[in-house]
C-alpha atoms as a PDB file:
ATOM      1  CA  MET A   1      13.640 -12.406  -2.319  1.00  0.00           C
ATOM      2  CA  ASP A   2      17.022 -12.669  -3.064  1.00  0.00           C
ATOM      3  CA  ALA A   3      18.066 -16.157  -1.182  1.00  0.00           C
ATOM      4  CA  ILE A   4      16.391 -18.905   1.604  1.00  0.00           C
ATOM      5  CA  GLY A   5      18.105 -20.535   4.148  1.00  0.00           C
ATOM      6  CA  LEU A   6      16.659 -23.936   5.889  1.00  0.00           C
ATOM      7  CA  ILE A   7      17.713 -25.435   8.672  1.00  0.00           C
ATOM      8  CA  GLU A   8      16.438 -28.412  10.731  1.00  0.00           C
ATOM      9  CA  ILE A   9      17.153 -29.298  13.586  1.00  0.00           C
ATOM     10  CA  GLN A  10      15.990 -32.051  16.190  1.00  0.00           C
ATOM     11  CA  SER A  11      14.605 -30.237  19.279  1.00  0.00           C
ATOM     12  CA  LEU A  12      12.504 -27.017  19.928  1.00  0.00           C
ATOM     13  CA  VAL A  13      14.772 -25.562  22.414  1.00  0.00           C
ATOM     14  CA  ALA A  14      17.994 -25.364  20.404  1.00  0.00           C
ATOM     15  CA  ALA A  15      15.426 -24.260  16.927  1.00  0.00           C
ATOM     16  CA  ILE A  16      14.721 -21.215  19.037  1.00  0.00           C
ATOM     17  CA  GLU A  17      18.515 -20.818  20.028  1.00  0.00           C
ATOM     18  CA  ALA A  18      19.729 -20.654  16.588  1.00  0.00           C
ATOM     19  CA  LEU A  19      16.423 -18.630  15.318  1.00  0.00           C
ATOM     20  CA  ASP A  20      17.535 -16.278  17.873  1.00  0.00           C
ATOM     21  CA  GLN A  21      21.013 -16.120  16.729  1.00  0.00           C
ATOM     22  CA  MET A  22      20.233 -16.047  13.024  1.00  0.00           C
ATOM     23  CA  CYS A  23      17.717 -12.947  13.668  1.00  0.00           C
ATOM     24  CA  LYS A  24      20.407 -11.010  15.889  1.00  0.00           C
ATOM     25  CA  THR A  25      23.334 -11.470  13.953  1.00  0.00           C
ATOM     26  CA  SER A  26      21.884 -10.758  10.135  1.00  0.00           C
ATOM     27  CA  GLY A  27      19.320  -8.771   8.503  1.00  0.00           C
ATOM     28  CA  VAL A  28      17.274 -11.988   7.687  1.00  0.00           C
ATOM     29  CA  LYS A  29      13.449 -12.149   8.297  1.00  0.00           C
ATOM     30  CA  LEU A  30      11.955 -15.774   9.569  1.00  0.00           C
ATOM     31  CA  VAL A  31       9.447 -17.101   6.447  1.00  0.00           C
ATOM     32  CA  HIS A  32       8.253 -20.534   7.621  1.00  0.00           C
ATOM     33  CA  ILE A  33       7.953 -22.847  10.467  1.00  0.00           C
ATOM     34  CA  GLU A  34       7.289 -26.335  10.728  1.00  0.00           C
ATOM     35  CA  ARG A  35       7.184 -28.588  13.911  1.00  0.00           C
ATOM     36  CA  ARG A  36       7.051 -32.141  13.795  1.00  0.00           C
ATOM     37  CA  LEU A  37       6.566 -34.847  16.200  1.00  0.00           C
ATOM     38  CA  GLY A  38       5.678 -32.889  18.796  1.00  0.00           C
ATOM     39  CA  GLY A  39       8.851 -30.285  18.579  1.00  0.00           C
ATOM     40  CA  ARG A  40      11.110 -32.639  18.034  1.00  0.00           C
ATOM     41  CA  MET A  41      12.265 -31.799  14.865  1.00  0.00           C
ATOM     42  CA  VAL A  42      11.928 -28.313  13.871  1.00  0.00           C
ATOM     43  CA  SER A  43      12.412 -26.682  10.205  1.00  0.00           C
ATOM     44  CA  LEU A  44      13.315 -22.976   9.755  1.00  0.00           C
ATOM     45  CA  VAL A  45      13.081 -21.107   6.641  1.00  0.00           C
ATOM     46  CA  VAL A  46      14.721 -17.564   6.456  1.00  0.00           C
ATOM     47  CA  GLU A  47      15.073 -14.750   3.822  1.00  0.00           C
ATOM     48  CA  GLY A  48      17.037 -12.219   2.841  1.00  0.00           C
ATOM     49  CA  ASP A  49      20.017 -11.384   1.027  1.00  0.00           C
ATOM     50  CA  VAL A  50      22.509 -13.976  -0.088  1.00  0.00           C
ATOM     51  CA  SER A  51      25.461 -13.150   2.644  1.00  0.00           C
ATOM     52  CA  SER A  52      22.610 -12.044   5.086  1.00  0.00           C
ATOM     53  CA  VAL A  53      20.944 -15.780   4.565  1.00  0.00           C
ATOM     54  CA  THR A  54      24.552 -17.948   4.775  1.00  0.00           C
ATOM     55  CA  CYS A  55      25.868 -15.767   7.696  1.00  0.00           C
ATOM     56  CA  ALA A  56      22.599 -16.451   9.288  1.00  0.00           C
ATOM     57  CA  LEU A  57      22.714 -20.076   9.049  1.00  0.00           C
ATOM     58  CA  GLU A  58      26.497 -20.337   9.956  1.00  0.00           C
ATOM     59  CA  ARG A  59      25.414 -18.640  13.049  1.00  0.00           C
ATOM     60  CA  GLY A  60      22.489 -20.905  13.624  1.00  0.00           C
ATOM     61  CA  LYS A  61      23.911 -23.928  13.037  1.00  0.00           C
ATOM     62  CA  GLU A  62      26.454 -23.520  15.594  1.00  0.00           C
ATOM     63  CA  ALA A  63      23.610 -22.203  18.088  1.00  0.00           C
ATOM     64  CA  ALA A  64      21.608 -25.432  17.254  1.00  0.00           C
ATOM     65  CA  GLN A  65      24.469 -27.956  17.821  1.00  0.00           C
ATOM     66  CA  ARG A  66      25.280 -26.947  21.385  1.00  0.00           C
ATOM     67  CA  LEU A  67      21.770 -27.344  22.073  1.00  0.00           C
ATOM     68  CA  GLY A  68      20.640 -30.418  19.970  1.00  0.00           C
ATOM     69  CA  LYS A  69      21.478 -31.780  16.349  1.00  0.00           C
ATOM     70  CA  VAL A  70      21.441 -30.023  12.823  1.00  0.00           C
ATOM     71  CA  LYS A  71      19.979 -32.431  10.599  1.00  0.00           C
ATOM     72  CA  GLY A  72      20.419 -30.401   7.406  1.00  0.00           C
ATOM     73  CA  CYS A  73      21.106 -26.731   6.587  1.00  0.00           C
ATOM     74  CA  GLU A  74      21.244 -25.220   3.541  1.00  0.00           C
ATOM     75  CA  VAL A  75      20.671 -21.916   1.536  1.00  0.00           C
ATOM     76  CA  ILE A  76      19.310 -21.523  -1.915  1.00  0.00           C
ATOM     77  CA  ALA A  77      20.372 -18.340  -3.829  1.00  0.00           C
ATOM     78  CA  ARG A  78      17.426 -16.794  -6.353  1.00  0.00           C
ATOM     79  CA  PRO A  79      14.835 -19.462  -5.225  1.00  0.00           C
ATOM     80  CA  HIS A  80      12.655 -20.471  -8.030  1.00  0.00           C
ATOM     81  CA  GLU A  81       9.105 -18.823  -7.677  1.00  0.00           C
ATOM     82  CA  GLU A  82       7.428 -21.972  -7.494  1.00  0.00           C
ATOM     83  CA  ILE A  83       9.279 -22.416  -4.171  1.00  0.00           C
ATOM     84  CA  GLN A  84       8.192 -19.225  -2.669  1.00  0.00           C
ATOM     85  CA  LYS A  85       4.601 -20.516  -3.502  1.00  0.00           C
ATOM     86  CA  PHE A  86       5.080 -23.664  -1.338  1.00  0.00           C
ATOM     87  CA  LEU A  87       6.342 -21.703   1.404  1.00  0.00           C
ATOM     88  CA  LYS A  88       3.990 -19.165   1.795  1.00  0.00           C
END
């Protein structure tokens, strides 16, 4: 895994729209999803090469902001293996 991207979005619909755009615009793969508060807060984790993950998060953030609020967005290049264990 070259990089992981994390985005936390307020609104399930906004998160689905963000994920759709992230997967369509770059070669990333969804590796983890977490829904809290009945879907009102959704965290998505994608993986891929650094440039693809960066591009995906930019597009996902743009898409999500049209429908909800983005609470956090981060790219982690070359994640430590302990992080990988946490996500799987």
